[in-house]
Amino acid sequence: MNLSQFSLKGKTALITGGGSGIGLGIAKSFVEAGGSVVIIGRTESTLASACIELGENSSYYVFDITNQSGMKKLVLQIIKDCGPIHTLVNNAGIHLKATVSETTDEGFLKIIQTHLLSSFTLSREVMESMKRHDIKGSVIMISSMTGIMAMTKVVAYTSAKTGMLGLMRGLLADYAEDGIRVNSIAPGWIESKMLHQALDSDTERKNKILNRIPFKHFGKPEDIGNAAVFLASNASVYINGVLLPVDGAAAVGF
């Protein structure tokens, strides 16, 4: 086996929501694999702190991914400043814990826009740039276990994350001939601010989740990062349209 196939040396990745949680875990893994990362998010202090941690092969742009009209300009600016983009990780997201009856149309649409519409718009702009620069790139959707199993009180989130799997298939169908791959990762319950916001006030739900995971503990952001490195690297060059669960077997719990 040629382990150099797993290297990301010479490759630049754009990671949404890369300043914390799973996004930062992915960024760390990419840098450790020799790559450069560009992280985007809404809070400059969070992004700046992350880049100090990531080191010289990182940079950031303050940007709200729900600003669809500004994405083309953003991508062009990143390419001008940092060079062509080889990997896009659609990771940024928000959570809405509510029953169906408690979920408003406005709340539902906000989740859809943040996760699904933003992933579509940014993927379109980045993949078109890959075509222009003749880059056989990789797009990675950070989906969720809710894309493959039913859960209560997350109807909007489930709809958005399941939609990302359909988006994956639609994108790869149009760009496979250009050598651009699109895959998805379905994280399980991973240590992050979003996880703790959802579970710290609901001990019963937290214990139910832990009892479902055979390992009896939550995953770490770097667990997702390691999977993302594989999907971004030449080691996965013939893998396209795959949903990779990284959940400690929670989705098939026993």
C-alpha atoms as a PDB file:
ATOM      1  CA  MET A   1       0.000   0.000   0.000  1.00  0.00           C
ATOM      2  CA  ASN A   2       1.212   3.466  -0.931  1.00  0.00           C
ATOM      3  CA  LEU A   3       0.386   5.563   2.135  1.00  0.00           C
ATOM      4  CA  SER A   4       1.215   8.756   0.256  1.00  0.00           C
ATOM      5  CA  GLN A   5      -2.210   8.392  -1.367  1.00  0.00           C
ATOM      6  CA  PHE A   6      -3.687   9.601   1.929  1.00  0.00           C
ATOM      7  CA  SER A   7      -1.645  12.812   1.864  1.00  0.00           C
ATOM      8  CA  LEU A   8      -3.354  16.149   1.239  1.00  0.00           C
ATOM      9  CA  LYS A   9      -0.102  17.963   0.492  1.00  0.00           C
ATOM     10  CA  GLY A  10      -0.645  20.637  -2.133  1.00  0.00           C
ATOM     11  CA  LYS A  11      -4.413  20.597  -1.702  1.00  0.00           C
ATOM     12  CA  THR A  12      -6.612  23.371  -0.352  1.00  0.00           C
ATOM     13  CA  ALA A  13      -9.900  22.656   1.401  1.00  0.00           C
ATOM     14  CA  LEU A  14     -12.769  25.043   2.036  1.00  0.00           C
ATOM     15  CA  ILE A  15     -14.649  24.090   5.204  1.00  0.00           C
ATOM     16  CA  THR A  16     -17.865  25.779   6.278  1.00  0.00           C
ATOM     17  CA  GLY A  17     -18.333  26.118  10.007  1.00  0.00           C
ATOM     18  CA  GLY A  18     -14.662  25.290  10.411  1.00  0.00           C
ATOM     19  CA  GLY A  19     -14.071  27.357  13.515  1.00  0.00           C
ATOM     20  CA  SER A  20     -15.405  24.913  16.076  1.00  0.00           C
ATOM     21  CA  GLY A  21     -16.799  21.451  16.717  1.00  0.00           C
ATOM     22  CA  ILE A  22     -16.801  18.956  13.877  1.00  0.00           C
ATOM     23  CA  GLY A  23     -15.645  21.580  11.378  1.00  0.00           C
ATOM     24  CA  LEU A  24     -12.553  22.390  13.411  1.00  0.00           C
ATOM     25  CA  GLY A  25     -11.870  18.683  13.882  1.00  0.00           C
ATOM     26  CA  ILE A  26     -11.949  18.239  10.112  1.00  0.00           C
ATOM     27  CA  ALA A  27      -9.683  21.256   9.598  1.00  0.00           C
ATOM     28  CA  LYS A  28      -7.144  19.887  12.090  1.00  0.00           C
ATOM     29  CA  SER A  29      -7.070  16.516  10.362  1.00  0.00           C
ATOM     30  CA  PHE A  30      -6.600  18.130   6.954  1.00  0.00           C
ATOM     31  CA  VAL A  31      -3.666  20.213   8.174  1.00  0.00           C
ATOM     32  CA  GLU A  32      -2.113  17.170   9.856  1.00  0.00           C
ATOM     33  CA  ALA A  33      -2.422  15.357   6.509  1.00  0.00           C
ATOM     34  CA  GLY A  34      -0.367  18.101   4.848  1.00  0.00           C
ATOM     35  CA  GLY A  35      -3.159  20.199   3.385  1.00  0.00           C
ATOM     36  CA  SER A  36      -4.140  23.841   3.638  1.00  0.00           C
ATOM     37  CA  VAL A  37      -7.534  24.903   4.925  1.00  0.00           C
ATOM     38  CA  VAL A  38      -9.802  27.879   4.489  1.00  0.00           C
ATOM     39  CA  ILE A  39     -12.506  28.054   7.137  1.00  0.00           C
ATOM     40  CA  ILE A  40     -15.587  30.231   7.011  1.00  0.00           C
ATOM     41  CA  GLY A  41     -18.144  31.191   9.632  1.00  0.00           C
ATOM     42  CA  ARG A  42     -20.033  34.102  11.125  1.00  0.00           C
ATOM     43  CA  THR A  43     -17.912  34.911  14.187  1.00  0.00           C
ATOM     44  CA  GLU A  44     -14.465  36.373  13.525  1.00  0.00           C
ATOM     45  CA  SER A  45     -13.110  35.764  17.023  1.00  0.00           C
ATOM     46  CA  THR A  46     -13.934  32.053  16.748  1.00  0.00           C
ATOM     47  CA  LEU A  47     -12.329  31.782  13.317  1.00  0.00           C
ATOM     48  CA  ALA A  48      -9.224  33.726  14.345  1.00  0.00           C
ATOM     49  CA  SER A  49      -8.743  31.533  17.407  1.00  0.00           C
ATOM     50  CA  ALA A  50      -9.132  28.412  15.282  1.00  0.00           C
ATOM     51  CA  CYS A  51      -6.504  29.592  12.793  1.00  0.00           C
ATOM     52  CA  ILE A  52      -4.032  30.232  15.610  1.00  0.00           C
ATOM     53  CA  GLU A  53      -4.576  26.630  16.625  1.00  0.00           C
ATOM     54  CA  LEU A  54      -4.383  25.340  13.047  1.00  0.00           C
ATOM     55  CA  GLY A  55      -1.183  27.172  12.162  1.00  0.00           C
ATOM     56  CA  GLU A  56       0.247  28.791   9.076  1.00  0.00           C
ATOM     57  CA  ASN A  57      -1.562  26.541   6.601  1.00  0.00           C
ATOM     58  CA  SER A  58      -4.914  28.041   7.519  1.00  0.00           C
ATOM     59  CA  SER A  59      -6.896  31.170   6.776  1.00  0.00           C
ATOM     60  CA  TYR A  60     -10.426  32.365   7.389  1.00  0.00           C
ATOM     61  CA  TYR A  61     -13.209  34.466   5.923  1.00  0.00           C
ATOM     62  CA  VAL A  62     -16.130  35.858   7.880  1.00  0.00           C
ATOM     63  CA  PHE A  63     -19.236  34.885   5.938  1.00  0.00           C
ATOM     64  CA  ASP A  64     -22.830  33.877   6.624  1.00  0.00           C
ATOM     65  CA  ILE A  65     -23.584  30.838   4.473  1.00  0.00           C
ATOM     66  CA  THR A  66     -27.242  31.833   4.206  1.00  0.00           C
ATOM     67  CA  ASN A  67     -26.060  34.751   2.042  1.00  0.00           C
ATOM     68  CA  GLN A  68     -26.566  32.907  -1.237  1.00  0.00           C
ATOM     69  CA  SER A  69     -26.097  36.009  -3.372  1.00  0.00           C
ATOM     70  CA  GLY A  70     -22.598  36.552  -1.986  1.00  0.00           C
ATOM     71  CA  MET A  71     -21.225  33.060  -2.504  1.00  0.00           C
ATOM     72  CA  LYS A  72     -19.866  33.486  -6.021  1.00  0.00           C
ATOM     73  CA  LYS A  73     -17.894  36.551  -4.952  1.00  0.00           C
ATOM     74  CA  LEU A  74     -16.625  34.694  -1.871  1.00  0.00           C
ATOM     75  CA  VAL A  75     -15.371  31.721  -3.877  1.00  0.00           C
ATOM     76  CA  LEU A  76     -13.628  33.952  -6.420  1.00  0.00           C
ATOM     77  CA  GLN A  77     -11.938  35.907  -3.613  1.00  0.00           C
ATOM     78  CA  ILE A  78     -10.744  32.727  -1.891  1.00  0.00           C
ATOM     79  CA  ILE A  79      -9.278  31.431  -5.147  1.00  0.00           C
ATOM     80  CA  LYS A  80      -7.569  34.781  -5.763  1.00  0.00           C
ATOM     81  CA  ASP A  81      -6.065  34.797  -2.260  1.00  0.00           C
ATOM     82  CA  CYS A  82      -5.374  31.112  -1.651  1.00  0.00           C
ATOM     83  CA  GLY A  83      -5.364  29.373  -5.012  1.00  0.00           C
ATOM     84  CA  PRO A  84      -7.774  26.803  -6.462  1.00  0.00           C
ATOM     85  CA  ILE A  85     -10.033  24.811  -4.147  1.00  0.00           C
ATOM     86  CA  HIS A  86      -9.517  21.037  -4.216  1.00  0.00           C
ATOM     87  CA  THR A  87     -11.992  20.022  -1.522  1.00  0.00           C
ATOM     88  CA  LEU A  88     -15.237  21.498  -0.243  1.00  0.00           C
ATOM     89  CA  VAL A  89     -16.679  20.356   3.079  1.00  0.00           C
ATOM     90  CA  ASN A  90     -20.287  21.424   3.610  1.00  0.00           C
ATOM     91  CA  ASN A  91     -20.338  21.233   7.384  1.00  0.00           C
ATOM     92  CA  ALA A  92     -21.941  24.384   8.810  1.00  0.00           C
ATOM     93  CA  GLY A  93     -25.313  23.976  10.414  1.00  0.00           C
ATOM     94  CA  ILE A  94     -27.722  24.847  13.177  1.00  0.00           C
ATOM     95  CA  HIS A  95     -30.042  22.747  15.288  1.00  0.00           C
ATOM     96  CA  LEU A  96     -33.754  22.980  16.035  1.00  0.00           C
ATOM     97  CA  LYS A  97     -35.098  20.704  18.732  1.00  0.00           C
ATOM     98  CA  ALA A  98     -38.888  20.731  18.459  1.00  0.00           C
ATOM     99  CA  THR A  99     -41.794  18.406  17.837  1.00  0.00           C
ATOM    100  CA  VAL A 100     -43.651  18.614  14.543  1.00  0.00           C
ATOM    101  CA  SER A 101     -46.445  20.639  16.150  1.00  0.00           C
ATOM    102  CA  GLU A 102     -43.923  23.046  17.684  1.00  0.00           C
ATOM    103  CA  THR A 103     -41.996  23.589  14.436  1.00  0.00           C
ATOM    104  CA  THR A 104     -43.066  26.724  12.581  1.00  0.00           C
ATOM    105  CA  ASP A 105     -42.794  27.178   8.825  1.00  0.00           C
ATOM    106  CA  GLU A 106     -40.207  29.900   9.428  1.00  0.00           C
ATOM    107  CA  GLY A 107     -38.139  27.674  11.706  1.00  0.00           C
ATOM    108  CA  PHE A 108     -38.313  24.812   9.227  1.00  0.00           C
ATOM    109  CA  LEU A 109     -37.223  26.997   6.320  1.00  0.00           C
ATOM    110  CA  LYS A 110     -34.314  28.430   8.315  1.00  0.00           C
ATOM    111  CA  ILE A 111     -32.937  24.930   8.856  1.00  0.00           C
ATOM    112  CA  ILE A 112     -33.442  24.025   5.187  1.00  0.00           C
ATOM    113  CA  GLN A 113     -31.702  27.193   4.008  1.00  0.00           C
ATOM    114  CA  THR A 114     -28.754  26.797   6.360  1.00  0.00           C
ATOM    115  CA  HIS A 115     -28.075  23.140   5.652  1.00  0.00           C
ATOM    116  CA  LEU A 116     -29.459  22.363   2.208  1.00  0.00           C
ATOM    117  CA  LEU A 117     -29.804  25.483   0.082  1.00  0.00           C
ATOM    118  CA  SER A 118     -26.463  26.861   1.245  1.00  0.00           C
ATOM    119  CA  SER A 119     -24.762  23.540   0.474  1.00  0.00           C
ATOM    120  CA  PHE A 120     -26.254  23.592  -3.019  1.00  0.00           C
ATOM    121  CA  THR A 121     -25.230  27.154  -3.806  1.00  0.00           C
ATOM    122  CA  LEU A 122     -21.696  26.825  -2.470  1.00  0.00           C
ATOM    123  CA  SER A 123     -21.198  23.419  -4.103  1.00  0.00           C
ATOM    124  CA  ARG A 124     -22.295  24.821  -7.457  1.00  0.00           C
ATOM    125  CA  GLU A 125     -19.838  27.705  -7.282  1.00  0.00           C
ATOM    126  CA  VAL A 126     -16.928  25.585  -6.044  1.00  0.00           C
ATOM    127  CA  MET A 127     -17.529  22.722  -8.486  1.00  0.00           C
ATOM    128  CA  GLU A 128     -17.707  25.134 -11.393  1.00  0.00           C
ATOM    129  CA  SER A 129     -14.371  26.562 -10.243  1.00  0.00           C
ATOM    130  CA  MET A 130     -12.944  23.031 -10.125  1.00  0.00           C
ATOM    131  CA  LYS A 131     -14.033  22.546 -13.740  1.00  0.00           C
ATOM    132  CA  ARG A 132     -12.402  25.805 -14.808  1.00  0.00           C
ATOM    133  CA  HIS A 133      -9.115  24.847 -13.146  1.00  0.00           C
ATOM    134  CA  ASP A 134      -9.311  21.205 -14.306  1.00  0.00           C
ATOM    135  CA  ILE A 135      -9.214  19.943 -10.719  1.00  0.00           C
ATOM    136  CA  LYS A 136     -10.446  16.424  -9.985  1.00  0.00           C
ATOM    137  CA  GLY A 137     -11.831  17.608  -6.698  1.00  0.00           C
ATOM    138  CA  SER A 138     -13.879  16.258  -3.834  1.00  0.00           C
ATOM    139  CA  VAL A 139     -17.041  17.576  -2.216  1.00  0.00           C
ATOM    140  CA  ILE A 140     -17.997  16.203   1.185  1.00  0.00           C
ATOM    141  CA  MET A 141     -21.444  16.625   2.694  1.00  0.00           C
ATOM    142  CA  ILE A 142     -21.623  16.398   6.465  1.00  0.00           C
ATOM    143  CA  SER A 143     -25.038  14.781   6.753  1.00  0.00           C
ATOM    144  CA  SER A 144     -26.310  12.992   9.850  1.00  0.00           C
ATOM    145  CA  MET A 145     -27.625   9.740  11.256  1.00  0.00           C
ATOM    146  CA  THR A 146     -31.025  11.358  10.825  1.00  0.00           C
ATOM    147  CA  GLY A 147     -30.495  10.809   7.113  1.00  0.00           C
ATOM    148  CA  ILE A 148     -30.745   7.053   7.657  1.00  0.00           C
ATOM    149  CA  MET A 149     -32.887   6.639  10.776  1.00  0.00           C
ATOM    150  CA  ALA A 150     -35.907   8.245  12.414  1.00  0.00           C
ATOM    151  CA  MET A 151     -35.536  10.430  15.499  1.00  0.00           C
ATOM    152  CA  THR A 152     -38.024  12.478  17.463  1.00  0.00           C
ATOM    153  CA  LYS A 153     -38.054  16.275  17.821  1.00  0.00           C
ATOM    154  CA  VAL A 154     -35.786  16.980  14.829  1.00  0.00           C
ATOM    155  CA  VAL A 155     -38.155  17.009  11.848  1.00  0.00           C
ATOM    156  CA  ALA A 156     -36.579  20.065  10.189  1.00  0.00           C
ATOM    157  CA  TYR A 157     -33.023  18.860  10.789  1.00  0.00           C
ATOM    158  CA  THR A 158     -33.914  15.378   9.516  1.00  0.00           C
ATOM    159  CA  SER A 159     -35.455  16.824   6.361  1.00  0.00           C
ATOM    160  CA  ALA A 160     -32.417  18.992   5.663  1.00  0.00           C
ATOM    161  CA  LYS A 161     -29.829  16.291   6.298  1.00  0.00           C
ATOM    162  CA  THR A 162     -31.754  13.747   4.228  1.00  0.00           C
ATOM    163  CA  GLY A 163     -32.005  16.341   1.480  1.00  0.00           C
ATOM    164  CA  MET A 164     -28.227  16.652   1.464  1.00  0.00           C
ATOM    165  CA  LEU A 165     -28.027  13.012   0.391  1.00  0.00           C
ATOM    166  CA  GLY A 166     -30.263  13.736  -2.583  1.00  0.00           C
ATOM    167  CA  LEU A 167     -28.136  16.785  -3.343  1.00  0.00           C
ATOM    168  CA  MET A 168     -25.042  14.565  -3.280  1.00  0.00           C
ATOM    169  CA  ARG A 169     -26.531  12.267  -5.917  1.00  0.00           C
ATOM    170  CA  GLY A 170     -27.702  15.115  -8.113  1.00  0.00           C
ATOM    171  CA  LEU A 171     -24.320  16.846  -8.030  1.00  0.00           C
ATOM    172  CA  LEU A 172     -22.278  13.740  -8.759  1.00  0.00           C
ATOM    173  CA  ALA A 173     -24.511  12.887 -11.709  1.00  0.00           C
ATOM    174  CA  ASP A 174     -23.671  16.212 -13.344  1.00  0.00           C
ATOM    175  CA  TYR A 175     -19.975  16.406 -12.426  1.00  0.00           C
ATOM    176  CA  ALA A 176     -18.670  12.820 -12.463  1.00  0.00           C
ATOM    177  CA  GLU A 177     -17.465  13.172 -16.049  1.00  0.00           C
ATOM    178  CA  ASP A 178     -15.315  16.075 -14.858  1.00  0.00           C
ATOM    179  CA  GLY A 179     -13.657  13.804 -12.307  1.00  0.00           C
ATOM    180  CA  ILE A 180     -15.251  15.573  -9.344  1.00  0.00           C
ATOM    181  CA  ARG A 181     -16.480  13.280  -6.575  1.00  0.00           C
ATOM    182  CA  VAL A 182     -19.248  13.904  -4.059  1.00  0.00           C
ATOM    183  CA  ASN A 183     -19.598  11.835  -0.893  1.00  0.00           C
ATOM    184  CA  SER A 184     -21.275  12.197   2.480  1.00  0.00           C
ATOM    185  CA  ILE A 185     -20.414  11.478   6.090  1.00  0.00           C
ATOM    186  CA  ALA A 186     -23.133  10.707   8.624  1.00  0.00           C
ATOM    187  CA  PRO A 187     -21.719  11.633  12.031  1.00  0.00           C
ATOM    188  CA  GLY A 188     -23.181  10.036  15.096  1.00  0.00           C
ATOM    189  CA  TRP A 189     -23.278  11.873  18.381  1.00  0.00           C
ATOM    190  CA  ILE A 190     -20.007  13.811  18.364  1.00  0.00           C
ATOM    191  CA  GLU A 191     -18.673  15.998  21.175  1.00  0.00           C
ATOM    192  CA  SER A 192     -19.500  19.580  20.206  1.00  0.00           C
ATOM    193  CA  LYS A 193     -21.219  22.721  21.437  1.00  0.00           C
ATOM    194  CA  MET A 194     -24.282  21.833  19.360  1.00  0.00           C
ATOM    195  CA  LEU A 195     -24.494  18.384  20.957  1.00  0.00           C
ATOM    196  CA  HIS A 196     -24.308  19.778  24.462  1.00  0.00           C
ATOM    197  CA  GLN A 197     -26.906  22.437  23.673  1.00  0.00           C
ATOM    198  CA  ALA A 198     -29.255  19.677  22.582  1.00  0.00           C
ATOM    199  CA  LEU A 199     -28.611  17.209  25.402  1.00  0.00           C
ATOM    200  CA  ASP A 200     -27.327  18.890  28.557  1.00  0.00           C
ATOM    201  CA  SER A 201     -30.815  19.980  29.582  1.00  0.00           C
ATOM    202  CA  ASP A 202     -32.376  16.616  28.713  1.00  0.00           C
ATOM    203  CA  THR A 203     -30.741  13.922  30.834  1.00  0.00           C
ATOM    204  CA  GLU A 204     -33.276  11.282  29.839  1.00  0.00           C
ATOM    205  CA  ARG A 205     -32.567  11.785  26.129  1.00  0.00           C
ATOM    206  CA  LYS A 206     -28.803  11.854  26.742  1.00  0.00           C
ATOM    207  CA  ASN A 207     -28.866   8.544  28.620  1.00  0.00           C
ATOM    208  CA  LYS A 208     -31.091   6.989  25.966  1.00  0.00           C
ATOM    209  CA  ILE A 209     -28.569   7.968  23.301  1.00  0.00           C
ATOM    210  CA  LEU A 210     -25.559   6.670  25.239  1.00  0.00           C
ATOM    211  CA  ASN A 211     -27.325   3.367  25.804  1.00  0.00           C
ATOM    212  CA  ARG A 212     -27.841   3.053  22.056  1.00  0.00           C
ATOM    213  CA  ILE A 213     -24.134   3.439  21.273  1.00  0.00           C
ATOM    214  CA  PRO A 214     -22.288   0.120  21.716  1.00  0.00           C
ATOM    215  CA  PHE A 215     -19.128   2.018  22.768  1.00  0.00           C
ATOM    216  CA  LYS A 216     -21.145   3.885  25.453  1.00  0.00           C
ATOM    217  CA  HIS A 217     -19.476   7.210  24.717  1.00  0.00           C
ATOM    218  CA  PHE A 218     -19.752  10.044  22.222  1.00  0.00           C
ATOM    219  CA  GLY A 219     -17.385  10.372  19.289  1.00  0.00           C
ATOM    220  CA  LYS A 220     -14.775  13.085  18.846  1.00  0.00           C
ATOM    221  CA  PRO A 221     -14.476  15.690  16.077  1.00  0.00           C
ATOM    222  CA  GLU A 222     -11.247  14.085  14.853  1.00  0.00           C
ATOM    223  CA  ASP A 223     -13.164  10.868  14.172  1.00  0.00           C
ATOM    224  CA  ILE A 224     -15.052  12.766  11.500  1.00  0.00           C
ATOM    225  CA  GLY A 225     -11.853  14.524  10.423  1.00  0.00           C
ATOM    226  CA  ASN A 226     -10.073  11.255   9.733  1.00  0.00           C
ATOM    227  CA  ALA A 227     -12.954  10.039   7.570  1.00  0.00           C
ATOM    228  CA  ALA A 228     -12.984  13.344   5.694  1.00  0.00           C
ATOM    229  CA  VAL A 229      -9.245  13.109   4.994  1.00  0.00           C
ATOM    230  CA  PHE A 230      -9.831   9.737   3.362  1.00  0.00           C
ATOM    231  CA  LEU A 231     -12.653  11.063   1.172  1.00  0.00           C
ATOM    232  CA  ALA A 232     -10.594  14.114   0.185  1.00  0.00           C
ATOM    233  CA  SER A 233      -7.465  12.138  -0.651  1.00  0.00           C
ATOM    234  CA  ASN A 234      -6.389  10.130  -3.677  1.00  0.00           C
ATOM    235  CA  ALA A 235      -6.912   6.989  -1.596  1.00  0.00           C
ATOM    236  CA  SER A 236     -10.640   7.303  -2.329  1.00  0.00           C
ATOM    237  CA  VAL A 237     -10.362   8.319  -5.967  1.00  0.00           C
ATOM    238  CA  TYR A 238     -12.830   5.615  -7.098  1.00  0.00           C
ATOM    239  CA  ILE A 239     -15.347   6.275  -4.324  1.00  0.00           C
ATOM    240  CA  ASN A 240     -18.284   8.425  -5.381  1.00  0.00           C
ATOM    241  CA  GLY A 241     -21.807   8.797  -4.008  1.00  0.00           C
ATOM    242  CA  VAL A 242     -21.134   7.029  -0.713  1.00  0.00           C
ATOM    243  CA  LEU A 243     -22.713   7.768   2.665  1.00  0.00           C
ATOM    244  CA  LEU A 244     -20.153   6.867   5.321  1.00  0.00           C
ATOM    245  CA  PRO A 245     -21.568   6.546   8.858  1.00  0.00           C
ATOM    246  CA  VAL A 246     -19.108   7.502  11.601  1.00  0.00           C
ATOM    247  CA  ASP A 247     -21.304   6.817  14.587  1.00  0.00           C
ATOM    248  CA  GLY A 248     -19.856   4.005  16.679  1.00  0.00           C
ATOM    249  CA  ALA A 249     -22.600   1.726  15.274  1.00  0.00           C
ATOM    250  CA  ALA A 250     -25.354   3.829  16.856  1.00  0.00           C
ATOM    251  CA  ALA A 251     -27.512   3.621  13.731  1.00  0.00           C
ATOM    252  CA  VAL A 252     -27.450  -0.176  13.937  1.00  0.00           C
ATOM    253  CA  GLY A 253     -27.238  -0.287  17.737  1.00  0.00           C
ATOM    254  CA  PHE A 254     -27.559  -3.500  19.672  1.00  0.00           C
END
